[in-house]
Amino acid sequence: MVRTVGGFAVLAVVAMLGFKLLMGLFGTLLGLLVTLLWWAFLGFVVYTLLKIFAPGLAQRIRDTIRGPSTTS
């Protein structure tokens, strides 16, 4: 009986360590994703404000990022 309780204890410790490692990796990836989304949101806000107050500058920035627009 002591042997099975010990086995369950070791299994529980290994499971807890694995869960902690998995959640740590998941938390890191989630944090990177949130940071990336925040930067994208800030870029969108700045671009929108530029588009309202300085449309020519906004167009030059858009052309720099995407390349010149080919409208015919």
N, C-alpha and C. Protein backbone atom coordinates (compact mmCIF):
# COMPACT_ATOMS: atom_id res chain seq x y z
N MET A 1 0.81 -1.19 0.00
CA MET A 1 0.00 0.00 0.00
C MET A 1 0.87 1.26 0.00
N VAL A 2 1.94 1.27 0.75
CA VAL A 2 2.82 2.42 0.79
C VAL A 2 3.45 2.64 -0.58
N ARG A 3 3.69 1.53 -1.25
CA ARG A 3 4.31 1.63 -2.57
C ARG A 3 3.36 2.30 -3.57
N THR A 4 2.09 2.00 -3.56
CA THR A 4 1.14 2.63 -4.48
C THR A 4 0.90 4.09 -4.11
N VAL A 5 0.86 4.42 -2.84
CA VAL A 5 0.69 5.81 -2.42
C VAL A 5 1.91 6.62 -2.86
N GLY A 6 3.08 6.04 -2.72
CA GLY A 6 4.31 6.71 -3.17
C GLY A 6 4.30 6.92 -4.67
N GLY A 7 3.83 5.93 -5.40
CA GLY A 7 3.73 6.05 -6.86
C GLY A 7 2.78 7.15 -7.27
N PHE A 8 1.63 7.23 -6.58
CA PHE A 8 0.67 8.30 -6.87
C PHE A 8 1.24 9.67 -6.52
N ALA A 9 2.02 9.74 -5.45
CA ALA A 9 2.63 11.00 -5.04
C ALA A 9 3.64 11.46 -6.09
N VAL A 10 4.45 10.53 -6.57
CA VAL A 10 5.44 10.88 -7.61
C VAL A 10 4.72 11.31 -8.89
N LEU A 11 3.67 10.57 -9.26
CA LEU A 11 2.90 10.93 -10.44
C LEU A 11 2.27 12.31 -10.28
N ALA A 12 1.76 12.62 -9.10
CA ALA A 12 1.16 13.93 -8.86
C ALA A 12 2.19 15.04 -8.98
N VAL A 13 3.39 14.82 -8.44
CA VAL A 13 4.45 15.83 -8.53
C VAL A 13 4.86 16.04 -9.98
N VAL A 14 5.03 14.96 -10.73
CA VAL A 14 5.40 15.08 -12.14
C VAL A 14 4.30 15.78 -12.92
N ALA A 15 3.06 15.45 -12.64
CA ALA A 15 1.93 16.10 -13.32
C ALA A 15 1.88 17.58 -12.99
N MET A 16 2.11 17.94 -11.73
CA MET A 16 2.10 19.36 -11.34
C MET A 16 3.22 20.13 -12.03
N LEU A 17 4.42 19.55 -12.11
CA LEU A 17 5.52 20.20 -12.78
C LEU A 17 5.24 20.37 -14.27
N GLY A 18 4.71 19.34 -14.90
CA GLY A 18 4.35 19.43 -16.32
C GLY A 18 3.28 20.48 -16.57
N PHE A 19 2.28 20.52 -15.71
CA PHE A 19 1.21 21.50 -15.85
C PHE A 19 1.76 22.92 -15.68
N LYS A 20 2.64 23.10 -14.71
CA LYS A 20 3.24 24.40 -14.47
C LYS A 20 4.07 24.84 -15.68
N LEU A 21 4.84 23.93 -16.25
CA LEU A 21 5.64 24.23 -17.43
C LEU A 21 4.74 24.57 -18.62
N LEU A 22 3.69 23.80 -18.83
CA LEU A 22 2.77 24.04 -19.93
C LEU A 22 2.07 25.38 -19.79
N MET A 23 1.61 25.71 -18.59
CA MET A 23 0.93 26.98 -18.37
C MET A 23 1.91 28.15 -18.48
N GLY A 24 3.17 27.95 -18.10
CA GLY A 24 4.17 28.99 -18.26
C GLY A 24 4.41 29.31 -19.72
N LEU A 25 4.52 28.27 -20.55
CA LEU A 25 4.70 28.48 -21.99
C LEU A 25 3.46 29.12 -22.60
N PHE A 26 2.29 28.66 -22.19
CA PHE A 26 1.04 29.22 -22.70
C PHE A 26 0.91 30.68 -22.30
N GLY A 27 1.28 31.00 -21.07
CA GLY A 27 1.22 32.38 -20.60
C GLY A 27 2.17 33.29 -21.36
N THR A 28 3.36 32.79 -21.66
CA THR A 28 4.32 33.56 -22.44
C THR A 28 3.80 33.83 -23.84
N LEU A 29 3.27 32.81 -24.49
CA LEU A 29 2.73 32.98 -25.84
C LEU A 29 1.53 33.93 -25.83
N LEU A 30 0.69 33.80 -24.82
CA LEU A 30 -0.47 34.69 -24.70
C LEU A 30 -0.02 36.13 -24.49
N GLY A 31 0.99 36.32 -23.66
CA GLY A 31 1.52 37.67 -23.43
C GLY A 31 2.09 38.28 -24.70
N LEU A 32 2.82 37.49 -25.48
CA LEU A 32 3.36 37.99 -26.76
C LEU A 32 2.24 38.34 -27.74
N LEU A 33 1.21 37.52 -27.76
CA LEU A 33 0.08 37.79 -28.65
C LEU A 33 -0.63 39.08 -28.26
N VAL A 34 -0.86 39.28 -26.98
CA VAL A 34 -1.54 40.49 -26.51
C VAL A 34 -0.68 41.71 -26.82
N THR A 35 0.63 41.62 -26.62
CA THR A 35 1.53 42.73 -26.93
C THR A 35 1.48 43.06 -28.42
N LEU A 36 1.52 42.06 -29.26
CA LEU A 36 1.46 42.27 -30.70
C LEU A 36 0.13 42.92 -31.11
N LEU A 37 -0.97 42.47 -30.53
CA LEU A 37 -2.27 43.07 -30.83
C LEU A 37 -2.33 44.52 -30.36
N TRP A 38 -1.73 44.82 -29.21
CA TRP A 38 -1.71 46.18 -28.69
C TRP A 38 -0.93 47.10 -29.63
N TRP A 39 0.24 46.63 -30.11
CA TRP A 39 1.03 47.43 -31.05
C TRP A 39 0.25 47.65 -32.35
N ALA A 40 -0.43 46.64 -32.82
CA ALA A 40 -1.22 46.77 -34.05
C ALA A 40 -2.35 47.79 -33.85
N PHE A 41 -2.97 47.76 -32.69
CA PHE A 41 -4.04 48.72 -32.38
C PHE A 41 -3.50 50.15 -32.35
N LEU A 42 -2.35 50.34 -31.70
CA LEU A 42 -1.74 51.67 -31.65
C LEU A 42 -1.37 52.16 -33.05
N GLY A 43 -0.83 51.28 -33.86
CA GLY A 43 -0.50 51.64 -35.24
C GLY A 43 -1.74 52.03 -36.02
N PHE A 44 -2.83 51.32 -35.82
CA PHE A 44 -4.09 51.63 -36.49
C PHE A 44 -4.60 53.01 -36.07
N VAL A 45 -4.52 53.29 -34.77
CA VAL A 45 -4.99 54.60 -34.27
C VAL A 45 -4.14 55.73 -34.85
N VAL A 46 -2.82 55.56 -34.84
CA VAL A 46 -1.94 56.59 -35.39
C VAL A 46 -2.21 56.78 -36.88
N TYR A 47 -2.33 55.69 -37.62
CA TYR A 47 -2.59 55.78 -39.06
C TYR A 47 -3.94 56.45 -39.33
N THR A 48 -4.95 56.12 -38.54
CA THR A 48 -6.27 56.73 -38.72
C THR A 48 -6.21 58.23 -38.45
N LEU A 49 -5.50 58.63 -37.39
CA LEU A 49 -5.36 60.06 -37.11
C LEU A 49 -4.60 60.76 -38.24
N LEU A 50 -3.55 60.13 -38.75
CA LEU A 50 -2.82 60.71 -39.88
C LEU A 50 -3.71 60.82 -41.11
N LYS A 51 -4.54 59.83 -41.32
CA LYS A 51 -5.43 59.83 -42.48
C LYS A 51 -6.43 60.98 -42.40
N ILE A 52 -6.83 61.32 -41.18
CA ILE A 52 -7.79 62.41 -41.00
C ILE A 52 -7.09 63.77 -41.13
N PHE A 53 -5.95 63.93 -40.44
CA PHE A 53 -5.31 65.24 -40.36
C PHE A 53 -4.23 65.48 -41.41
N ALA A 54 -3.63 64.43 -41.95
CA ALA A 54 -2.58 64.59 -42.97
C ALA A 54 -2.69 63.45 -43.99
N PRO A 55 -3.68 63.53 -44.87
CA PRO A 55 -3.91 62.42 -45.80
C PRO A 55 -2.71 62.12 -46.72
N GLY A 56 -1.98 63.16 -47.12
CA GLY A 56 -0.82 62.93 -47.99
C GLY A 56 0.26 62.13 -47.29
N LEU A 57 0.53 62.46 -46.03
CA LEU A 57 1.52 61.71 -45.25
C LEU A 57 1.07 60.28 -45.03
N ALA A 58 -0.22 60.11 -44.74
CA ALA A 58 -0.74 58.75 -44.55
C ALA A 58 -0.59 57.92 -45.82
N GLN A 59 -0.81 58.55 -46.98
CA GLN A 59 -0.66 57.83 -48.25
C GLN A 59 0.80 57.46 -48.49
N ARG A 60 1.73 58.37 -48.16
CA ARG A 60 3.15 58.05 -48.33
C ARG A 60 3.58 56.92 -47.41
N ILE A 61 3.08 56.91 -46.18
CA ILE A 61 3.39 55.83 -45.24
C ILE A 61 2.83 54.52 -45.77
N ARG A 62 1.59 54.55 -46.27
CA ARG A 62 0.97 53.34 -46.82
C ARG A 62 1.77 52.82 -48.02
N ASP A 63 2.21 53.74 -48.88
CA ASP A 63 3.00 53.33 -50.05
C ASP A 63 4.36 52.77 -49.63
N THR A 64 4.93 53.32 -48.57
CA THR A 64 6.22 52.81 -48.09
C THR A 64 6.07 51.39 -47.56
N ILE A 65 4.98 51.12 -46.88
CA ILE A 65 4.79 49.79 -46.29
C ILE A 65 4.33 48.78 -47.34
N ARG A 66 3.37 49.14 -48.14
CA ARG A 66 2.78 48.19 -49.11
C ARG A 66 3.35 48.29 -50.50
N GLY A 67 4.02 49.38 -50.80
CA GLY A 67 4.46 49.62 -52.17
C GLY A 67 3.48 50.56 -52.83
N PRO A 68 3.88 51.20 -53.90
CA PRO A 68 2.98 52.17 -54.56
C PRO A 68 1.69 51.50 -55.03
N SER A 69 0.60 52.22 -54.85
CA SER A 69 -0.69 51.67 -55.29
C SER A 69 -0.79 51.80 -56.80
N THR A 70 -1.31 50.77 -57.43
CA THR A 70 -1.44 50.74 -58.89
C THR A 70 -2.91 50.83 -59.26
N THR A 71 -3.46 52.02 -59.14
CA THR A 71 -4.87 52.21 -59.52
C THR A 71 -4.91 52.73 -60.96
N SER A 72 -5.77 52.09 -61.75
CA SER A 72 -5.84 52.54 -63.15
C SER A 72 -7.23 53.02 -63.49
